[in-house]
């Protein structure tokens, strides 16, 4: 049986990863953004979105880029995260991974974008 290559698309904007205190309200500026991941845990509120939408004064890690795994992937598909993360970990490249109902997003720092593309192109099609 032939294994199907993953297809990745690189989102055009630079993303920021924001940190808020655990009891913070979701800010109004984060509610109507095309790409935005909001995660609340018992310890914190994190928001990932285009960094040009983030106002001054917010604790942020800047200059992340996202590779969208073209989907839908389905919940029975296994090994996607490992297949992308393992070769990058071996290359000592840090990532952030976001999963949604239909697909996944692998985030890497802008400074590593070309190296990530070079590594992933060995087994993925990148648009």
PDB file of N, CA and C in Angstrom:
ATOM      1  N   UNK A   1       0.835  -1.181   0.000  1.00  0.00           N
ATOM      2  CA  UNK A   1       0.000   0.000   0.000  1.00  0.00           C
ATOM      3  C   UNK A   1       0.878   1.242   0.000  1.00  0.00           C
ATOM      4  N   UNK A   2       0.560   2.213  -0.843  1.00  0.00           N
ATOM      5  CA  UNK A   2       1.335   3.436  -0.955  1.00  0.00           C
ATOM      6  C   UNK A   2       0.892   4.427   0.127  1.00  0.00           C
ATOM      7  N   UNK A   3       1.876   5.026   0.810  1.00  0.00           N
ATOM      8  CA  UNK A   3       1.587   6.031   1.820  1.00  0.00           C
ATOM      9  C   UNK A   3       1.411   7.373   1.133  1.00  0.00           C
ATOM     10  N   UNK A   4       0.325   8.055   1.462  1.00  0.00           N
ATOM     11  CA  UNK A   4       0.039   9.348   0.865  1.00  0.00           C
ATOM     12  C   UNK A   4       0.870  10.427   1.555  1.00  0.00           C
ATOM     13  N   UNK A   5       1.509  11.305   0.751  1.00  0.00           N
ATOM     14  CA  UNK A   5       2.293  12.406   1.295  1.00  0.00           C
ATOM     15  C   UNK A   5       1.376  13.431   1.933  1.00  0.00           C
ATOM     16  N   UNK A   6       1.819  13.996   3.050  1.00  0.00           N
ATOM     17  CA  UNK A   6       1.101  15.117   3.639  1.00  0.00           C
ATOM     18  C   UNK A   6       1.310  16.341   2.762  1.00  0.00           C
ATOM     19  N   UNK A   7       0.291  17.151   2.660  1.00  0.00           N
ATOM     20  CA  UNK A   7       0.383  18.407   1.923  1.00  0.00           C
ATOM     21  C   UNK A   7       0.338  19.538   2.943  1.00  0.00           C
ATOM     22  N   UNK A   8       1.345  20.394   2.902  1.00  0.00           N
ATOM     23  CA  UNK A   8       1.442  21.517   3.824  1.00  0.00           C
ATOM     24  C   UNK A   8       1.356  22.828   3.054  1.00  0.00           C
ATOM     25  N   UNK A   9       0.687  23.796   3.650  1.00  0.00           N
ATOM     26  CA  UNK A   9       0.646  25.158   3.116  1.00  0.00           C
ATOM     27  C   UNK A   9       1.209  26.085   4.179  1.00  0.00           C
ATOM     28  N   UNK A  10       2.015  27.038   3.754  1.00  0.00           N
ATOM     29  CA  UNK A  10       2.593  27.988   4.699  1.00  0.00           C
ATOM     30  C   UNK A  10       1.683  29.219   4.760  1.00  0.00           C
ATOM     31  N   UNK A  11       1.207  29.529   5.947  1.00  0.00           N
ATOM     32  CA  UNK A  11       0.390  30.734   6.115  1.00  0.00           C
ATOM     33  C   UNK A  11       1.285  31.953   5.907  1.00  0.00           C
ATOM     34  N   UNK A  12       0.749  33.001   5.276  1.00  0.00           N
ATOM     35  CA  UNK A  12       1.602  34.136   4.908  1.00  0.00           C
ATOM     36  C   UNK A  12       2.021  35.043   6.064  1.00  0.00           C
ATOM     37  N   UNK A  13       1.231  35.088   7.134  1.00  0.00           N
ATOM     38  CA  UNK A  13       1.521  36.059   8.179  1.00  0.00           C
ATOM     39  C   UNK A  13       2.425  35.505   9.268  1.00  0.00           C
ATOM     40  N   UNK A  14       3.152  36.430   9.919  1.00  0.00           N
ATOM     41  CA  UNK A  14       3.912  36.081  11.116  1.00  0.00           C
ATOM     42  C   UNK A  14       2.931  36.036  12.274  1.00  0.00           C
ATOM     43  N   UNK A  15       3.119  35.043  13.137  1.00  0.00           N
ATOM     44  CA  UNK A  15       2.216  34.850  14.264  1.00  0.00           C
ATOM     45  C   UNK A  15       2.912  35.182  15.576  1.00  0.00           C
ATOM     46  N   UNK A  16       2.098  35.575  16.531  1.00  0.00           N
ATOM     47  CA  UNK A  16       2.580  35.800  17.883  1.00  0.00           C
ATOM     48  C   UNK A  16       1.894  34.833  18.825  1.00  0.00           C
ATOM     49  N   UNK A  17       2.607  34.419  19.852  1.00  0.00           N
ATOM     50  CA  UNK A  17       2.066  33.538  20.886  1.00  0.00           C
ATOM     51  C   UNK A  17       1.977  34.385  22.156  1.00  0.00           C
ATOM     52  N   UNK A  18       0.746  34.646  22.593  1.00  0.00           N
ATOM     53  CA  UNK A  18       0.501  35.542  23.724  1.00  0.00           C
ATOM     54  C   UNK A  18       0.182  34.764  24.991  1.00  0.00           C
ATOM     55  N   UNK A  19       0.579  35.342  26.109  1.00  0.00           N
ATOM     56  CA  UNK A  19       0.305  34.741  27.411  1.00  0.00           C
ATOM     57  C   UNK A  19      -0.496  35.716  28.262  1.00  0.00           C
ATOM     58  N   UNK A  20      -1.547  35.193  28.907  1.00  0.00           N
ATOM     59  CA  UNK A  20      -2.367  35.967  29.828  1.00  0.00           C
ATOM     60  C   UNK A  20      -2.537  35.167  31.115  1.00  0.00           C
ATOM     61  N   UNK A  21      -2.864  35.857  32.183  1.00  0.00           N
ATOM     62  CA  UNK A  21      -3.149  35.192  33.455  1.00  0.00           C
ATOM     63  C   UNK A  21      -4.369  34.283  33.288  1.00  0.00           C
ATOM     64  N   UNK A  22      -4.458  33.266  34.121  1.00  0.00           N
ATOM     65  CA  UNK A  22      -5.481  32.232  33.980  1.00  0.00           C
ATOM     66  C   UNK A  22      -6.910  32.753  34.034  1.00  0.00           C
ATOM     67  N   UNK A  23      -7.170  33.811  34.746  1.00  0.00           N
ATOM     68  CA  UNK A  23      -8.536  34.328  34.870  1.00  0.00           C
ATOM     69  C   UNK A  23      -8.844  35.468  33.906  1.00  0.00           C
ATOM     70  N   UNK A  24      -7.949  35.745  32.980  1.00  0.00           N
ATOM     71  CA  UNK A  24      -8.146  36.840  32.037  1.00  0.00           C
ATOM     72  C   UNK A  24      -9.320  36.568  31.110  1.00  0.00           C
ATOM     73  N   UNK A  25     -10.023  37.615  30.767  1.00  0.00           N
ATOM     74  CA  UNK A  25     -11.065  37.518  29.747  1.00  0.00           C
ATOM     75  C   UNK A  25     -10.401  37.412  28.377  1.00  0.00           C
ATOM     76  N   UNK A  26     -11.073  36.772  27.443  1.00  0.00           N
ATOM     77  CA  UNK A  26     -10.571  36.757  26.064  1.00  0.00           C
ATOM     78  C   UNK A  26     -10.705  38.177  25.531  1.00  0.00           C
ATOM     79  N   UNK A  27      -9.595  38.778  25.099  1.00  0.00           N
ATOM     80  CA  UNK A  27      -9.665  40.174  24.650  1.00  0.00           C
ATOM     81  C   UNK A  27     -10.504  40.334  23.385  1.00  0.00           C
ATOM     82  N   UNK A  28     -11.146  41.450  23.283  1.00  0.00           N
ATOM     83  CA  UNK A  28     -12.018  41.741  22.136  1.00  0.00           C
ATOM     84  C   UNK A  28     -11.250  41.650  20.814  1.00  0.00           C
ATOM     85  N   UNK A  29      -9.996  42.102  20.802  1.00  0.00           N
ATOM     86  CA  UNK A  29      -9.214  42.104  19.566  1.00  0.00           C
ATOM     87  C   UNK A  29      -8.953  40.687  19.038  1.00  0.00           C
ATOM     88  N   UNK A  30      -9.083  39.677  19.894  1.00  0.00           N
ATOM     89  CA  UNK A  30      -8.809  38.297  19.477  1.00  0.00           C
ATOM     90  C   UNK A  30     -10.048  37.560  18.987  1.00  0.00           C
ATOM     91  N   UNK A  31     -11.198  38.184  19.063  1.00  0.00           N
ATOM     92  CA  UNK A  31     -12.446  37.470  18.783  1.00  0.00           C
ATOM     93  C   UNK A  31     -12.827  37.393  17.305  1.00  0.00           C
ATOM     94  N   UNK A  32     -12.266  38.220  16.471  1.00  0.00           N
ATOM     95  CA  UNK A  32     -12.699  38.265  15.067  1.00  0.00           C
ATOM     96  C   UNK A  32     -11.503  38.261  14.117  1.00  0.00           C
ATOM     97  N   UNK A  33     -10.579  37.338  14.363  1.00  0.00           N
ATOM     98  CA  UNK A  33      -9.376  37.226  13.549  1.00  0.00           C
ATOM     99  C   UNK A  33      -9.478  35.957  12.710  1.00  0.00           C
ATOM    100  N   UNK A  34      -9.023  36.030  11.474  1.00  0.00           N
ATOM    101  CA  UNK A  34      -9.108  34.898  10.546  1.00  0.00           C
ATOM    102  C   UNK A  34      -8.404  33.659  11.088  1.00  0.00           C
ATOM    103  N   UNK A  35      -7.174  33.801  11.567  1.00  0.00           N
ATOM    104  CA  UNK A  35      -6.473  32.676  12.190  1.00  0.00           C
ATOM    105  C   UNK A  35      -6.194  33.049  13.632  1.00  0.00           C
ATOM    106  N   UNK A  36      -6.788  32.304  14.553  1.00  0.00           N
ATOM    107  CA  UNK A  36      -6.593  32.570  15.979  1.00  0.00           C
ATOM    108  C   UNK A  36      -6.858  31.286  16.752  1.00  0.00           C
ATOM    109  N   UNK A  37      -5.912  30.905  17.596  1.00  0.00           N
ATOM    110  CA  UNK A  37      -6.097  29.752  18.463  1.00  0.00           C
ATOM    111  C   UNK A  37      -6.100  30.252  19.899  1.00  0.00           C
ATOM    112  N   UNK A  38      -7.179  29.979  20.605  1.00  0.00           N
ATOM    113  CA  UNK A  38      -7.332  30.420  21.991  1.00  0.00           C
ATOM    114  C   UNK A  38      -7.420  29.183  22.867  1.00  0.00           C
ATOM    115  N   UNK A  39      -6.519  29.092  23.847  1.00  0.00           N
ATOM    116  CA  UNK A  39      -6.494  27.940  24.740  1.00  0.00           C
ATOM    117  C   UNK A  39      -6.474  28.421  26.183  1.00  0.00           C
ATOM    118  N   UNK A  40      -7.433  27.927  26.948  1.00  0.00           N
ATOM    119  CA  UNK A  40      -7.470  28.236  28.371  1.00  0.00           C
ATOM    120  C   UNK A  40      -7.243  26.940  29.144  1.00  0.00           C
ATOM    121  N   UNK A  41      -6.357  27.010  30.122  1.00  0.00           N
ATOM    122  CA  UNK A  41      -6.139  25.901  31.049  1.00  0.00           C
ATOM    123  C   UNK A  41      -6.331  26.438  32.464  1.00  0.00           C
ATOM    124  N   UNK A  42      -6.159  25.586  33.434  1.00  0.00           N
ATOM    125  CA  UNK A  42      -6.279  26.053  34.818  1.00  0.00           C
ATOM    126  C   UNK A  42      -5.135  26.992  35.189  1.00  0.00           C
ATOM    127  N   UNK A  43      -4.088  27.031  34.367  1.00  0.00           N
ATOM    128  CA  UNK A  43      -2.899  27.827  34.663  1.00  0.00           C
ATOM    129  C   UNK A  43      -2.751  29.107  33.852  1.00  0.00           C
ATOM    130  N   UNK A  44      -3.386  29.171  32.675  1.00  0.00           N
ATOM    131  CA  UNK A  44      -3.141  30.320  31.794  1.00  0.00           C
ATOM    132  C   UNK A  44      -4.173  30.416  30.677  1.00  0.00           C
ATOM    133  N   UNK A  45      -4.114  31.542  29.980  1.00  0.00           N
ATOM    134  CA  UNK A  45      -4.833  31.759  28.728  1.00  0.00           C
ATOM    135  C   UNK A  45      -3.766  32.071  27.688  1.00  0.00           C
ATOM    136  N   UNK A  46      -3.739  31.305  26.601  1.00  0.00           N
ATOM    137  CA  UNK A  46      -2.790  31.542  25.512  1.00  0.00           C
ATOM    138  C   UNK A  46      -3.564  31.842  24.245  1.00  0.00           C
ATOM    139  N   UNK A  47      -3.043  32.779  23.476  1.00  0.00           N
ATOM    140  CA  UNK A  47      -3.651  33.143  22.199  1.00  0.00           C
ATOM    141  C   UNK A  47      -2.552  33.174  21.141  1.00  0.00           C
ATOM    142  N   UNK A  48      -2.789  32.473  20.029  1.00  0.00           N
ATOM    143  CA  UNK A  48      -1.881  32.491  18.889  1.00  0.00           C
ATOM    144  C   UNK A  48      -2.634  33.143  17.744  1.00  0.00           C
ATOM    145  N   UNK A  49      -2.065  34.209  17.188  1.00  0.00           N
ATOM    146  CA  UNK A  49      -2.731  34.923  16.094  1.00  0.00           C
ATOM    147  C   UNK A  49      -1.699  35.781  15.357  1.00  0.00           C
ATOM    148  N   UNK A  50      -2.104  36.399  14.225  1.00  0.00           N
ATOM    149  CA  UNK A  50      -1.166  37.275  13.526  1.00  0.00           C
ATOM    150  C   UNK A  50      -0.647  38.364  14.466  1.00  0.00           C
ATOM    151  N   UNK A  51       0.654  38.518  14.494  1.00  0.00           N
ATOM    152  CA  UNK A  51       1.232  39.434  15.464  1.00  0.00           C
ATOM    153  C   UNK A  51       0.879  40.890  15.203  1.00  0.00           C
ATOM    154  N   UNK A  52       0.500  41.215  13.981  1.00  0.00           N
ATOM    155  CA  UNK A  52       0.113  42.610  13.722  1.00  0.00           C
ATOM    156  C   UNK A  52      -1.260  42.950  14.305  1.00  0.00           C
ATOM    157  N   UNK A  53      -1.979  41.965  14.814  1.00  0.00           N
ATOM    158  CA  UNK A  53      -3.279  42.188  15.464  1.00  0.00           C
ATOM    159  C   UNK A  53      -3.146  42.330  16.981  1.00  0.00           C
ATOM    160  N   UNK A  54      -1.956  42.090  17.514  1.00  0.00           N
ATOM    161  CA  UNK A  54      -1.738  42.077  18.959  1.00  0.00           C
ATOM    162  C   UNK A  54      -1.328  43.471  19.426  1.00  0.00           C
ATOM    163  N   UNK A  55      -2.079  44.044  20.355  1.00  0.00           N
ATOM    164  CA  UNK A  55      -1.738  45.398  20.816  1.00  0.00           C
ATOM    165  C   UNK A  55      -0.495  45.430  21.706  1.00  0.00           C
ATOM    166  N   UNK A  56       0.066  46.614  21.832  1.00  0.00           N
ATOM    167  CA  UNK A  56       1.224  46.816  22.707  1.00  0.00           C
ATOM    168  C   UNK A  56       0.851  46.457  24.139  1.00  0.00           C
ATOM    169  N   UNK A  57       1.845  46.015  24.884  1.00  0.00           N
ATOM    170  CA  UNK A  57       1.637  45.701  26.288  1.00  0.00           C
ATOM    171  C   UNK A  57       1.284  44.259  26.580  1.00  0.00           C
ATOM    172  N   UNK A  58       1.081  43.456  25.549  1.00  0.00           N
ATOM    173  CA  UNK A  58       0.746  42.040  25.729  1.00  0.00           C
ATOM    174  C   UNK A  58       2.047  41.234  25.749  1.00  0.00           C
ATOM    175  N   UNK A  59       2.159  40.282  26.683  1.00  0.00           N
ATOM    176  CA  UNK A  59       3.321  39.396  26.734  1.00  0.00           C
ATOM    177  C   UNK A  59       3.262  38.465  25.522  1.00  0.00           C
ATOM    178  N   UNK A  60       4.271  38.535  24.670  1.00  0.00           N
ATOM    179  CA  UNK A  60       4.217  37.851  23.375  1.00  0.00           C
ATOM    180  C   UNK A  60       5.573  37.295  22.974  1.00  0.00           C
ATOM    181  N   UNK A  61       5.541  36.136  22.334  1.00  0.00           N
ATOM    182  CA  UNK A  61       6.690  35.592  21.612  1.00  0.00           C
ATOM    183  C   UNK A  61       6.375  35.825  20.140  1.00  0.00           C
ATOM    184  N   UNK A  62       7.199  36.593  19.458  1.00  0.00           N
ATOM    185  CA  UNK A  62       6.927  37.000  18.077  1.00  0.00           C
ATOM    186  C   UNK A  62       7.632  36.122  17.047  1.00  0.00           C
ATOM    187  N   UNK A  63       7.218  36.343  15.809  1.00  0.00           N
ATOM    188  CA  UNK A  63       7.889  35.816  14.615  1.00  0.00           C
ATOM    189  C   UNK A  63       7.815  34.306  14.464  1.00  0.00           C
ATOM    190  N   UNK A  64       6.613  33.758  14.648  1.00  0.00           N
ATOM    191  CA  UNK A  64       6.349  32.354  14.372  1.00  0.00           C
ATOM    192  C   UNK A  64       5.643  32.247  13.032  1.00  0.00           C
ATOM    193  N   UNK A  65       5.877  31.170  12.311  1.00  0.00           N
ATOM    194  CA  UNK A  65       5.212  30.905  11.035  1.00  0.00           C
ATOM    195  C   UNK A  65       4.504  29.559  11.131  1.00  0.00           C
ATOM    196  N   UNK A  66       3.386  29.441  10.421  1.00  0.00           N
ATOM    197  CA  UNK A  66       2.563  28.234  10.512  1.00  0.00           C
ATOM    198  C   UNK A  66       2.557  27.467   9.198  1.00  0.00           C
ATOM    199  N   UNK A  67       2.692  26.154   9.325  1.00  0.00           N
ATOM    200  CA  UNK A  67       2.500  25.212   8.226  1.00  0.00           C
ATOM    201  C   UNK A  67       1.163  24.531   8.491  1.00  0.00           C
ATOM    202  N   UNK A  68       0.215  24.718   7.604  1.00  0.00           N
ATOM    203  CA  UNK A  68      -1.091  24.069   7.735  1.00  0.00           C
ATOM    204  C   UNK A  68      -1.025  22.705   7.073  1.00  0.00           C
ATOM    205  N   UNK A  69      -1.427  21.673   7.806  1.00  0.00           N
ATOM    206  CA  UNK A  69      -1.536  20.338   7.228  1.00  0.00           C
ATOM    207  C   UNK A  69      -2.894  20.299   6.534  1.00  0.00           C
ATOM    208  N   UNK A  70      -2.875  20.202   5.223  1.00  0.00           N
ATOM    209  CA  UNK A  70      -4.135  20.229   4.476  1.00  0.00           C
ATOM    210  C   UNK A  70      -4.959  18.996   4.836  1.00  0.00           C
ATOM    211  N   UNK A  71      -6.199  19.223   5.148  1.00  0.00           N
ATOM    212  CA  UNK A  71      -7.076  18.163   5.615  1.00  0.00           C
ATOM    213  C   UNK A  71      -8.381  18.177   4.854  1.00  0.00           C
ATOM    214  N   UNK A  72      -9.405  17.626   5.428  1.00  0.00           N
ATOM    215  CA  UNK A  72      -9.488  17.195   6.824  1.00  0.00           C
ATOM    216  C   UNK A  72      -8.715  15.908   7.066  1.00  0.00           C
ATOM    217  N   UNK A  73      -8.197  15.795   8.292  1.00  0.00           N
ATOM    218  CA  UNK A  73      -7.374  14.643   8.638  1.00  0.00           C
ATOM    219  C   UNK A  73      -8.174  13.485   9.215  1.00  0.00           C
ATOM    220  N   UNK A  74      -9.185  13.788   9.998  1.00  0.00           N
ATOM    221  CA  UNK A  74      -9.949  12.719  10.643  1.00  0.00           C
ATOM    222  C   UNK A  74      -9.277  12.276  11.926  1.00  0.00           C
ATOM    223  N   UNK A  75     -10.069  11.829  12.868  1.00  0.00           N
ATOM    224  CA  UNK A  75      -9.558  11.458  14.177  1.00  0.00           C
ATOM    225  C   UNK A  75      -8.900  10.083  14.206  1.00  0.00           C
ATOM    226  N   UNK A  76      -9.083   9.280  13.184  1.00  0.00           N
ATOM    227  CA  UNK A  76      -8.482   7.946  13.173  1.00  0.00           C
ATOM    228  C   UNK A  76      -7.073   7.938  12.579  1.00  0.00           C
ATOM    229  N   UNK A  77      -6.670   9.031  11.961  1.00  0.00           N
ATOM    230  CA  UNK A  77      -5.338   9.123  11.366  1.00  0.00           C
ATOM    231  C   UNK A  77      -4.299   9.240  12.477  1.00  0.00           C
ATOM    232  N   UNK A  78      -3.273   8.409  12.420  1.00  0.00           N
ATOM    233  CA  UNK A  78      -2.252   8.408  13.479  1.00  0.00           C
ATOM    234  C   UNK A  78      -0.881   8.762  12.916  1.00  0.00           C
ATOM    235  N   UNK A  79      -0.029   9.267  13.791  1.00  0.00           N
ATOM    236  CA  UNK A  79       1.362   9.494  13.441  1.00  0.00           C
ATOM    237  C   UNK A  79       1.673  10.810  12.755  1.00  0.00           C
ATOM    238  N   UNK A  80       0.693  11.666  12.547  1.00  0.00           N
ATOM    239  CA  UNK A  80       0.944  12.923  11.840  1.00  0.00           C
ATOM    240  C   UNK A  80       1.904  13.803  12.637  1.00  0.00           C
ATOM    241  N   UNK A  81       1.601  14.021  13.907  1.00  0.00           N
ATOM    242  CA  UNK A  81       2.445  14.881  14.734  1.00  0.00           C
ATOM    243  C   UNK A  81       3.865  14.318  14.793  1.00  0.00           C
ATOM    244  N   UNK A  82       3.995  13.044  15.055  1.00  0.00           N
ATOM    245  CA  UNK A  82       5.317  12.423  15.162  1.00  0.00           C
ATOM    246  C   UNK A  82       6.097  12.537  13.857  1.00  0.00           C
ATOM    247  N   UNK A  83       5.422  12.329  12.735  1.00  0.00           N
ATOM    248  CA  UNK A  83       6.129  12.363  11.453  1.00  0.00           C
ATOM    249  C   UNK A  83       6.692  13.750  11.144  1.00  0.00           C
ATOM    250  N   UNK A  84       6.025  14.785  11.634  1.00  0.00           N
ATOM    251  CA  UNK A  84       6.502  16.154  11.415  1.00  0.00           C
ATOM    252  C   UNK A  84       7.474  16.585  12.508  1.00  0.00           C
ATOM    253  N   UNK A  85       7.167  16.242  13.741  1.00  0.00           N
ATOM    254  CA  UNK A  85       7.959  16.722  14.875  1.00  0.00           C
ATOM    255  C   UNK A  85       9.307  16.006  15.013  1.00  0.00           C
ATOM    256  N   UNK A  86       9.355  14.710  14.792  1.00  0.00           N
ATOM    257  CA  UNK A  86      10.592  13.948  15.016  1.00  0.00           C
ATOM    258  C   UNK A  86      11.788  14.462  14.206  1.00  0.00           C
ATOM    259  N   UNK A  87      11.656  14.656  12.893  1.00  0.00           N
ATOM    260  CA  UNK A  87      12.835  15.137  12.155  1.00  0.00           C
ATOM    261  C   UNK A  87      13.246  16.556  12.549  1.00  0.00           C
ATOM    262  N   UNK A  88      12.281  17.360  12.980  1.00  0.00           N
ATOM    263  CA  UNK A  88      12.618  18.709  13.418  1.00  0.00           C
ATOM    264  C   UNK A  88      13.300  18.676  14.783  1.00  0.00           C
ATOM    265  N   UNK A  89      12.865  17.785  15.659  1.00  0.00           N
ATOM    266  CA  UNK A  89      13.523  17.635  16.958  1.00  0.00           C
ATOM    267  C   UNK A  89      14.969  17.162  16.769  1.00  0.00           C
ATOM    268  N   UNK A  90      15.184  16.245  15.839  1.00  0.00           N
ATOM    269  CA  UNK A  90      16.542  15.768  15.569  1.00  0.00           C
ATOM    270  C   UNK A  90      17.432  16.893  15.048  1.00  0.00           C
ATOM    271  N   UNK A  91      16.819  17.873  14.373  1.00  0.00           N
ATOM    272  CA  UNK A  91      17.556  19.033  13.872  1.00  0.00           C
ATOM    273  C   UNK A  91      17.616  20.162  14.911  1.00  0.00           C
ATOM    274  N   UNK A  92      17.110  19.886  16.124  1.00  0.00           N
ATOM    275  CA  UNK A  92      17.096  20.850  17.236  1.00  0.00           C
ATOM    276  C   UNK A  92      16.277  22.101  16.920  1.00  0.00           C
ATOM    277  N   UNK A  93      15.158  21.900  16.202  1.00  0.00           N
ATOM    278  CA  UNK A  93      14.248  22.998  15.871  1.00  0.00           C
ATOM    279  C   UNK A  93      13.004  22.880  16.734  1.00  0.00           C
ATOM    280  N   UNK A  94      12.754  23.908  17.516  1.00  0.00           N
ATOM    281  CA  UNK A  94      11.600  23.955  18.406  1.00  0.00           C
ATOM    282  C   UNK A  94      10.340  24.262  17.601  1.00  0.00           C
ATOM    283  N   UNK A  95       9.245  23.601  17.984  1.00  0.00           N
ATOM    284  CA  UNK A  95       7.971  23.851  17.306  1.00  0.00           C
ATOM    285  C   UNK A  95       6.865  24.043  18.337  1.00  0.00           C
ATOM    286  N   UNK A  96       5.773  24.577  17.855  1.00  0.00           N
ATOM    287  CA  UNK A  96       4.512  24.631  18.583  1.00  0.00           C
ATOM    288  C   UNK A  96       3.508  23.964  17.665  1.00  0.00           C
ATOM    289  N   UNK A  97       2.656  23.096  18.214  1.00  0.00           N
ATOM    290  CA  UNK A  97       1.726  22.337  17.391  1.00  0.00           C
ATOM    291  C   UNK A  97       0.310  22.621  17.848  1.00  0.00           C
ATOM    292  N   UNK A  98      -0.561  22.952  16.906  1.00  0.00           N
ATOM    293  CA  UNK A  98      -1.962  23.234  17.202  1.00  0.00           C
ATOM    294  C   UNK A  98      -2.818  22.281  16.381  1.00  0.00           C
ATOM    295  N   UNK A  99      -3.722  21.594  17.053  1.00  0.00           N
ATOM    296  CA  UNK A  99      -4.670  20.715  16.357  1.00  0.00           C
ATOM    297  C   UNK A  99      -6.062  21.309  16.457  1.00  0.00           C
ATOM    298  N   UNK A 100      -6.805  21.203  15.363  1.00  0.00           N
ATOM    299  CA  UNK A 100      -8.198  21.630  15.341  1.00  0.00           C
ATOM    300  C   UNK A 100      -9.060  20.414  14.991  1.00  0.00           C
ATOM    301  N   UNK A 101     -10.331  20.622  14.866  1.00  0.00           N
ATOM    302  CA  UNK A 101     -11.245  19.533  14.532  1.00  0.00           C
ATOM    303  C   UNK A 101     -10.887  18.908  13.174  1.00  0.00           C
ATOM    304  N   UNK A 102     -10.518  19.748  12.195  1.00  0.00           N
ATOM    305  CA  UNK A 102     -10.287  19.250  10.842  1.00  0.00           C
ATOM    306  C   UNK A 102      -8.828  19.054  10.454  1.00  0.00           C
ATOM    307  N   UNK A 103      -7.924  19.790  11.087  1.00  0.00           N
ATOM    308  CA  UNK A 103      -6.535  19.707  10.633  1.00  0.00           C
ATOM    309  C   UNK A 103      -5.568  20.117  11.731  1.00  0.00           C
ATOM    310  N   UNK A 104      -4.305  20.223  11.365  1.00  0.00           N
ATOM    311  CA  UNK A 104      -3.237  20.583  12.293  1.00  0.00           C
ATOM    312  C   UNK A 104      -2.419  21.734  11.715  1.00  0.00           C
ATOM    313  N   UNK A 105      -1.735  22.428  12.636  1.00  0.00           N
ATOM    314  CA  UNK A 105      -0.829  23.507  12.267  1.00  0.00           C
ATOM    315  C   UNK A 105       0.472  23.308  13.025  1.00  0.00           C
ATOM    316  N   UNK A 106       1.573  23.292  12.298  1.00  0.00           N
ATOM    317  CA  UNK A 106       2.890  23.219  12.896  1.00  0.00           C
ATOM    318  C   UNK A 106       3.485  24.620  12.832  1.00  0.00           C
ATOM    319  N   UNK A 107       3.880  25.165  13.973  1.00  0.00           N
ATOM    320  CA  UNK A 107       4.481  26.488  14.025  1.00  0.00           C
ATOM    321  C   UNK A 107       5.960  26.372  14.327  1.00  0.00           C
ATOM    322  N   UNK A 108       6.748  27.151  13.599  1.00  0.00           N
ATOM    323  CA  UNK A 108       8.190  27.221  13.817  1.00  0.00           C
ATOM    324  C   UNK A 108       8.592  28.692  13.744  1.00  0.00           C
ATOM    325  N   UNK A 109       9.683  29.000  14.393  1.00  0.00           N
ATOM    326  CA  UNK A 109      10.143  30.385  14.361  1.00  0.00           C
ATOM    327  C   UNK A 109      10.561  30.779  12.947  1.00  0.00           C
ATOM    328  N   UNK A 110      10.291  32.025  12.598  1.00  0.00           N
ATOM    329  CA  UNK A 110      10.619  32.572  11.272  1.00  0.00           C
ATOM    330  C   UNK A 110      12.087  32.317  10.920  1.00  0.00           C
ATOM    331  N   UNK A 111      12.969  32.456  11.890  1.00  0.00           N
ATOM    332  CA  UNK A 111      14.405  32.273  11.626  1.00  0.00           C
ATOM    333  C   UNK A 111      14.731  30.853  11.165  1.00  0.00           C
ATOM    334  N   UNK A 112      13.849  29.895  11.442  1.00  0.00           N
ATOM    335  CA  UNK A 112      14.063  28.498  11.044  1.00  0.00           C
ATOM    336  C   UNK A 112      13.217  28.081   9.841  1.00  0.00           C
ATOM    337  N   UNK A 113      12.490  29.003   9.247  1.00  0.00           N
ATOM    338  CA  UNK A 113      11.531  28.663   8.197  1.00  0.00           C
ATOM    339  C   UNK A 113      12.165  27.886   7.037  1.00  0.00           C
ATOM    340  N   UNK A 114      13.258  28.356   6.517  1.00  0.00           N
ATOM    341  CA  UNK A 114      13.878  27.693   5.367  1.00  0.00           C
ATOM    342  C   UNK A 114      14.392  26.302   5.734  1.00  0.00           C
ATOM    343  N   UNK A 115      14.957  26.159   6.919  1.00  0.00           N
ATOM    344  CA  UNK A 115      15.455  24.849   7.357  1.00  0.00           C
ATOM    345  C   UNK A 115      14.299  23.875   7.561  1.00  0.00           C
ATOM    346  N   UNK A 116      13.193  24.357   8.139  1.00  0.00           N
ATOM    347  CA  UNK A 116      12.012  23.501   8.328  1.00  0.00           C
ATOM    348  C   UNK A 116      11.490  23.044   6.973  1.00  0.00           C
ATOM    349  N   UNK A 117      11.383  23.962   6.022  1.00  0.00           N
ATOM    350  CA  UNK A 117      10.932  23.597   4.680  1.00  0.00           C
ATOM    351  C   UNK A 117      11.842  22.541   4.069  1.00  0.00           C
ATOM    352  N   UNK A 118      13.132  22.735   4.191  1.00  0.00           N
ATOM    353  CA  UNK A 118      14.106  21.796   3.631  1.00  0.00           C
ATOM    354  C   UNK A 118      13.924  20.397   4.222  1.00  0.00           C
ATOM    355  N   UNK A 119      13.702  20.312   5.523  1.00  0.00           N
ATOM    356  CA  UNK A 119      13.532  19.026   6.188  1.00  0.00           C
ATOM    357  C   UNK A 119      12.208  18.385   5.798  1.00  0.00           C
ATOM    358  N   UNK A 120      11.127  19.147   5.853  1.00  0.00           N
ATOM    359  CA  UNK A 120       9.796  18.586   5.601  1.00  0.00           C
ATOM    360  C   UNK A 120       9.571  18.246   4.127  1.00  0.00           C
ATOM    361  N   UNK A 121      10.257  18.936   3.219  1.00  0.00           N
ATOM    362  CA  UNK A 121      10.104  18.640   1.795  1.00  0.00           C
ATOM    363  C   UNK A 121      10.587  17.238   1.430  1.00  0.00           C
ATOM    364  N   UNK A 122      11.329  16.606   2.319  1.00  0.00           N
ATOM    365  CA  UNK A 122      11.778  15.233   2.068  1.00  0.00           C
ATOM    366  C   UNK A 122      10.637  14.241   2.064  1.00  0.00           C
ATOM    367  N   UNK A 123       9.514  14.582   2.722  1.00  0.00           N
ATOM    368  CA  UNK A 123       8.392  13.638   2.788  1.00  0.00           C
ATOM    369  C   UNK A 123       7.020  14.306   2.729  1.00  0.00           C
ATOM    370  N   UNK A 124       6.983  15.624   2.492  1.00  0.00           N
ATOM    371  CA  UNK A 124       5.714  16.348   2.360  1.00  0.00           C
ATOM    372  C   UNK A 124       5.760  17.195   1.094  1.00  0.00           C
ATOM    373  N   UNK A 125       4.593  17.493   0.556  1.00  0.00           N
ATOM    374  CA  UNK A 125       4.492  18.488  -0.507  1.00  0.00           C
ATOM    375  C   UNK A 125       4.148  19.806   0.159  1.00  0.00           C
ATOM    376  N   UNK A 126       4.942  20.847  -0.119  1.00  0.00           N
ATOM    377  CA  UNK A 126       4.738  22.152   0.510  1.00  0.00           C
ATOM    378  C   UNK A 126       4.337  23.158  -0.544  1.00  0.00           C
ATOM    379  N   UNK A 127       3.179  23.799  -0.306  1.00  0.00           N
ATOM    380  CA  UNK A 127       2.666  24.826  -1.216  1.00  0.00           C
ATOM    381  C   UNK A 127       3.063  26.197  -0.708  1.00  0.00           C
TER     382      UNK A 127
END
